[in-house]
Amino acid sequence: MISQTEEYALRAMTCLAFRHPSYITRDQLFDVTQVPHAYLPKIMLELNRTGLIRSQRGQNGGYALIQHPQNISLLKIIKAVRTGTSKNAPLYASSNSTEINQLNEHLNQTFSMLESVLDQTSLADIITTPVEQNSKEQHCVQK
């Protein structure tokens, strides 16, 4: 499914989408995303390396999206930080067993449908969907 790293990247990118085109500081991202302090910079470095975000040092610095949220799919974010297996390989390879091959084919089709939905869902879709908010919660929206 979605790894912890991929979820953390989705959290960070969603937060950046709410602030687009402004920058958000690393500390603000820590507070809102709840991504561990040692791990967030690694994720942000990978997102920067793949061209999804930019970073700027200094008093008015932080992280910001390079593109408009409408142009960034959830799948693009996931693939930017995906590690381990090939980024385009099927999740379940063929087996010596017909029964297992049938299962694997079904699972691959199911995950392919999920990927299709993630590819069709942009950050803009996420940030324009109203969600009831607890007034005590941290949030990315500028005040």
C-alpha atoms as a PDB file:
ATOM      1  CA  MET A   1       0.000   0.000   0.000  1.00  0.00           C
ATOM      2  CA  ILE A   2       1.446   3.362   1.001  1.00  0.00           C
ATOM      3  CA  SER A   3       4.655   3.313   3.036  1.00  0.00           C
ATOM      4  CA  GLN A   4       5.276   5.537   6.040  1.00  0.00           C
ATOM      5  CA  THR A   5       7.716   7.625   3.981  1.00  0.00           C
ATOM      6  CA  GLU A   6       5.129   8.097   1.246  1.00  0.00           C
ATOM      7  CA  GLU A   7       2.503   9.134   3.790  1.00  0.00           C
ATOM      8  CA  TYR A   8       4.910  11.643   5.346  1.00  0.00           C
ATOM      9  CA  ALA A   9       5.631  13.103   1.909  1.00  0.00           C
ATOM     10  CA  LEU A  10       1.900  13.400   1.213  1.00  0.00           C
ATOM     11  CA  ARG A  11       1.407  15.193   4.544  1.00  0.00           C
ATOM     12  CA  ALA A  12       4.210  17.665   3.840  1.00  0.00           C
ATOM     13  CA  MET A  13       3.096  18.344   0.278  1.00  0.00           C
ATOM     14  CA  THR A  14      -0.510  18.878   1.364  1.00  0.00           C
ATOM     15  CA  CYS A  15       0.672  21.413   3.908  1.00  0.00           C
ATOM     16  CA  LEU A  16       2.729  23.191   1.229  1.00  0.00           C
ATOM     17  CA  ALA A  17      -0.307  23.204  -1.070  1.00  0.00           C
ATOM     18  CA  PHE A  18      -2.348  25.067   1.530  1.00  0.00           C
ATOM     19  CA  ARG A  19       0.367  27.736   1.649  1.00  0.00           C
ATOM     20  CA  HIS A  20       1.122  27.905  -2.084  1.00  0.00           C
ATOM     21  CA  PRO A  21       2.924  29.981  -3.336  1.00  0.00           C
ATOM     22  CA  SER A  22       4.333  31.061   0.043  1.00  0.00           C
ATOM     23  CA  TYR A  23       7.085  29.327   1.956  1.00  0.00           C
ATOM     24  CA  ILE A  24       6.535  27.347   5.138  1.00  0.00           C
ATOM     25  CA  THR A  25       9.333  26.830   7.620  1.00  0.00           C
ATOM     26  CA  ARG A  26      10.697  23.472   8.657  1.00  0.00           C
ATOM     27  CA  ASP A  27       9.432  24.030  12.216  1.00  0.00           C
ATOM     28  CA  GLN A  28       5.920  24.759  10.941  1.00  0.00           C
ATOM     29  CA  LEU A  29       6.013  21.562   8.897  1.00  0.00           C
ATOM     30  CA  PHE A  30       7.166  19.583  11.954  1.00  0.00           C
ATOM     31  CA  ASP A  31       4.320  20.972  14.040  1.00  0.00           C
ATOM     32  CA  VAL A  32       1.584  20.331  11.504  1.00  0.00           C
ATOM     33  CA  THR A  33       2.672  17.108   9.809  1.00  0.00           C
ATOM     34  CA  GLN A  34       3.922  15.274  12.908  1.00  0.00           C
ATOM     35  CA  VAL A  35       6.769  13.843  10.837  1.00  0.00           C
ATOM     36  CA  PRO A  36       9.781  12.989  13.036  1.00  0.00           C
ATOM     37  CA  HIS A  37      12.387  15.782  13.204  1.00  0.00           C
ATOM     38  CA  ALA A  38      15.202  13.607  11.873  1.00  0.00           C
ATOM     39  CA  TYR A  39      13.125  12.278   8.974  1.00  0.00           C
ATOM     40  CA  LEU A  40      11.404  15.336   7.494  1.00  0.00           C
ATOM     41  CA  PRO A  41      14.575  16.928   6.044  1.00  0.00           C
ATOM     42  CA  LYS A  42      15.370  13.675   4.218  1.00  0.00           C
ATOM     43  CA  ILE A  43      11.904  13.613   2.645  1.00  0.00           C
ATOM     44  CA  MET A  44      12.074  17.282   1.730  1.00  0.00           C
ATOM     45  CA  LEU A  45      15.499  16.780   0.153  1.00  0.00           C
ATOM     46  CA  GLU A  46      14.093  14.022  -2.066  1.00  0.00           C
ATOM     47  CA  LEU A  47      11.059  16.140  -3.021  1.00  0.00           C
ATOM     48  CA  ASN A  48      13.440  18.985  -3.863  1.00  0.00           C
ATOM     49  CA  ARG A  49      15.703  16.684  -5.879  1.00  0.00           C
ATOM     50  CA  THR A  50      12.755  15.452  -7.944  1.00  0.00           C
ATOM     51  CA  GLY A  51      11.607  18.999  -8.713  1.00  0.00           C
ATOM     52  CA  LEU A  52       8.393  19.126  -6.715  1.00  0.00           C
ATOM     53  CA  ILE A  53       9.492  21.716  -4.168  1.00  0.00           C
ATOM     54  CA  ARG A  54      12.082  24.412  -3.698  1.00  0.00           C
ATOM     55  CA  SER A  55      13.852  25.421  -0.534  1.00  0.00           C
ATOM     56  CA  GLN A  56      15.164  28.784   0.512  1.00  0.00           C
ATOM     57  CA  ARG A  57      17.391  29.657   3.430  1.00  0.00           C
ATOM     58  CA  GLY A  58      16.995  32.694   5.605  1.00  0.00           C
ATOM     59  CA  GLN A  59      14.400  34.530   7.630  1.00  0.00           C
ATOM     60  CA  ASN A  60      11.687  34.324   4.963  1.00  0.00           C
ATOM     61  CA  GLY A  61      12.781  30.901   3.789  1.00  0.00           C
ATOM     62  CA  GLY A  62      11.501  27.411   4.102  1.00  0.00           C
ATOM     63  CA  TYR A  63       9.873  25.119   1.577  1.00  0.00           C
ATOM     64  CA  ALA A  64       7.377  25.874  -1.204  1.00  0.00           C
ATOM     65  CA  LEU A  65       5.795  24.065  -4.122  1.00  0.00           C
ATOM     66  CA  ILE A  66       7.348  24.745  -7.510  1.00  0.00           C
ATOM     67  CA  GLN A  67       4.150  24.018  -9.437  1.00  0.00           C
ATOM     68  CA  HIS A  68       0.540  24.901  -8.737  1.00  0.00           C
ATOM     69  CA  PRO A  69      -1.207  22.262  -6.556  1.00  0.00           C
ATOM     70  CA  GLN A  70      -3.484  21.412  -9.510  1.00  0.00           C
ATOM     71  CA  ASN A  71      -0.438  20.112 -11.410  1.00  0.00           C
ATOM     72  CA  ILE A  72       0.835  17.754  -8.712  1.00  0.00           C
ATOM     73  CA  SER A  73      -0.859  14.379  -8.383  1.00  0.00           C
ATOM     74  CA  LEU A  74      -0.708  12.283  -5.247  1.00  0.00           C
ATOM     75  CA  LEU A  75       0.892   9.516  -7.311  1.00  0.00           C
ATOM     76  CA  LYS A  76       3.659  11.875  -8.455  1.00  0.00           C
ATOM     77  CA  ILE A  77       4.478  12.581  -4.801  1.00  0.00           C
ATOM     78  CA  ILE A  78       4.463   8.907  -3.870  1.00  0.00           C
ATOM     79  CA  LYS A  79       6.723   7.987  -6.793  1.00  0.00           C
ATOM     80  CA  ALA A  80       9.114  10.818  -5.896  1.00  0.00           C
ATOM     81  CA  VAL A  81       9.922   9.232  -2.535  1.00  0.00           C
ATOM     82  CA  ARG A  82       9.264   5.548  -3.281  1.00  0.00           C
ATOM     83  CA  THR A  83      12.246   3.364  -2.440  1.00  0.00           C
ATOM     84  CA  GLY A  84      13.087  -0.302  -2.610  1.00  0.00           C
ATOM     85  CA  THR A  85      11.356  -1.774  -5.633  1.00  0.00           C
ATOM     86  CA  SER A  86      11.423  -0.291  -9.081  1.00  0.00           C
ATOM     87  CA  LYS A  87       9.095   2.689  -9.188  1.00  0.00           C
ATOM     88  CA  ASN A  88       7.094   1.203 -12.077  1.00  0.00           C
ATOM     89  CA  ALA A  89       7.391  -2.538 -11.398  1.00  0.00           C
ATOM     90  CA  PRO A  90       4.332  -4.608 -10.510  1.00  0.00           C
ATOM     91  CA  LEU A  91       4.009  -5.163  -6.788  1.00  0.00           C
ATOM     92  CA  TYR A  92       3.512  -8.904  -7.144  1.00  0.00           C
ATOM     93  CA  ALA A  93       5.677 -10.847  -9.588  1.00  0.00           C
ATOM     94  CA  SER A  94       4.814 -14.133 -11.190  1.00  0.00           C
ATOM     95  CA  SER A  95       5.165 -17.361  -9.281  1.00  0.00           C
ATOM     96  CA  ASN A  96       5.542 -21.072 -10.047  1.00  0.00           C
ATOM     97  CA  SER A  97       2.002 -21.602  -8.761  1.00  0.00           C
ATOM     98  CA  THR A  98      -1.086 -20.994 -10.914  1.00  0.00           C
ATOM     99  CA  GLU A  99      -3.128 -20.191  -7.819  1.00  0.00           C
ATOM    100  CA  ILE A 100      -0.604 -17.626  -6.576  1.00  0.00           C
ATOM    101  CA  ASN A 101      -0.344 -16.123 -10.061  1.00  0.00           C
ATOM    102  CA  GLN A 102      -4.112 -15.611 -10.085  1.00  0.00           C
ATOM    103  CA  LEU A 103      -3.932 -13.904  -6.707  1.00  0.00           C
ATOM    104  CA  ASN A 104      -0.977 -11.770  -7.785  1.00  0.00           C
ATOM    105  CA  GLU A 105      -2.743 -10.718 -10.981  1.00  0.00           C
ATOM    106  CA  HIS A 106      -5.802  -9.673  -8.984  1.00  0.00           C
ATOM    107  CA  LEU A 107      -3.687  -7.727  -6.488  1.00  0.00           C
ATOM    108  CA  ASN A 108      -1.736  -6.011  -9.281  1.00  0.00           C
ATOM    109  CA  GLN A 109      -5.003  -4.981 -10.972  1.00  0.00           C
ATOM    110  CA  THR A 110      -6.361  -3.650  -7.678  1.00  0.00           C
ATOM    111  CA  PHE A 111      -3.241  -1.619  -6.965  1.00  0.00           C
ATOM    112  CA  SER A 112      -3.262  -0.396 -10.564  1.00  0.00           C
ATOM    113  CA  MET A 113      -6.773   0.999  -9.996  1.00  0.00           C
ATOM    114  CA  LEU A 114      -5.570   2.664  -6.794  1.00  0.00           C
ATOM    115  CA  GLU A 115      -2.626   4.194  -8.658  1.00  0.00           C
ATOM    116  CA  SER A 116      -5.011   5.480 -11.313  1.00  0.00           C
ATOM    117  CA  VAL A 117      -7.117   7.257  -8.671  1.00  0.00           C
ATOM    118  CA  LEU A 118      -3.987   8.668  -7.005  1.00  0.00           C
ATOM    119  CA  ASP A 119      -2.771   9.882 -10.402  1.00  0.00           C
ATOM    120  CA  GLN A 120      -6.102  11.615 -11.054  1.00  0.00           C
ATOM    121  CA  THR A 121      -6.175  13.274  -7.616  1.00  0.00           C
ATOM    122  CA  SER A 122      -4.215  16.498  -7.330  1.00  0.00           C
ATOM    123  CA  LEU A 123      -3.145  18.421  -4.266  1.00  0.00           C
ATOM    124  CA  ALA A 124      -5.705  21.037  -5.301  1.00  0.00           C
ATOM    125  CA  ASP A 125      -8.424  18.387  -4.950  1.00  0.00           C
ATOM    126  CA  ILE A 126      -7.283  17.729  -1.389  1.00  0.00           C
ATOM    127  CA  ILE A 127      -7.086  21.337  -0.270  1.00  0.00           C
ATOM    128  CA  THR A 128     -10.462  22.302  -1.735  1.00  0.00           C
ATOM    129  CA  THR A 129     -12.342  19.499   0.006  1.00  0.00           C
ATOM    130  CA  PRO A 130     -13.913  20.902   3.182  1.00  0.00           C
ATOM    131  CA  VAL A 131     -13.087  19.045   6.380  1.00  0.00           C
ATOM    132  CA  GLU A 132     -14.465  19.909   9.800  1.00  0.00           C
ATOM    133  CA  GLN A 133     -11.564  21.276  11.815  1.00  0.00           C
ATOM    134  CA  ASN A 134     -10.905  21.315  15.539  1.00  0.00           C
ATOM    135  CA  SER A 135     -10.046  24.899  16.505  1.00  0.00           C
ATOM    136  CA  LYS A 136      -7.108  23.684  18.633  1.00  0.00           C
ATOM    137  CA  GLU A 137      -5.433  21.853  15.751  1.00  0.00           C
ATOM    138  CA  GLN A 138      -2.313  23.122  14.035  1.00  0.00           C
ATOM    139  CA  HIS A 139      -2.820  23.973  10.388  1.00  0.00           C
ATOM    140  CA  CYS A 140      -0.915  25.117   7.348  1.00  0.00           C
ATOM    141  CA  VAL A 141      -3.249  27.880   6.252  1.00  0.00           C
ATOM    142  CA  GLN A 142      -1.818  31.361   6.705  1.00  0.00           C
ATOM    143  CA  LYS A 143      -3.570  33.574   9.212  1.00  0.00           C
END
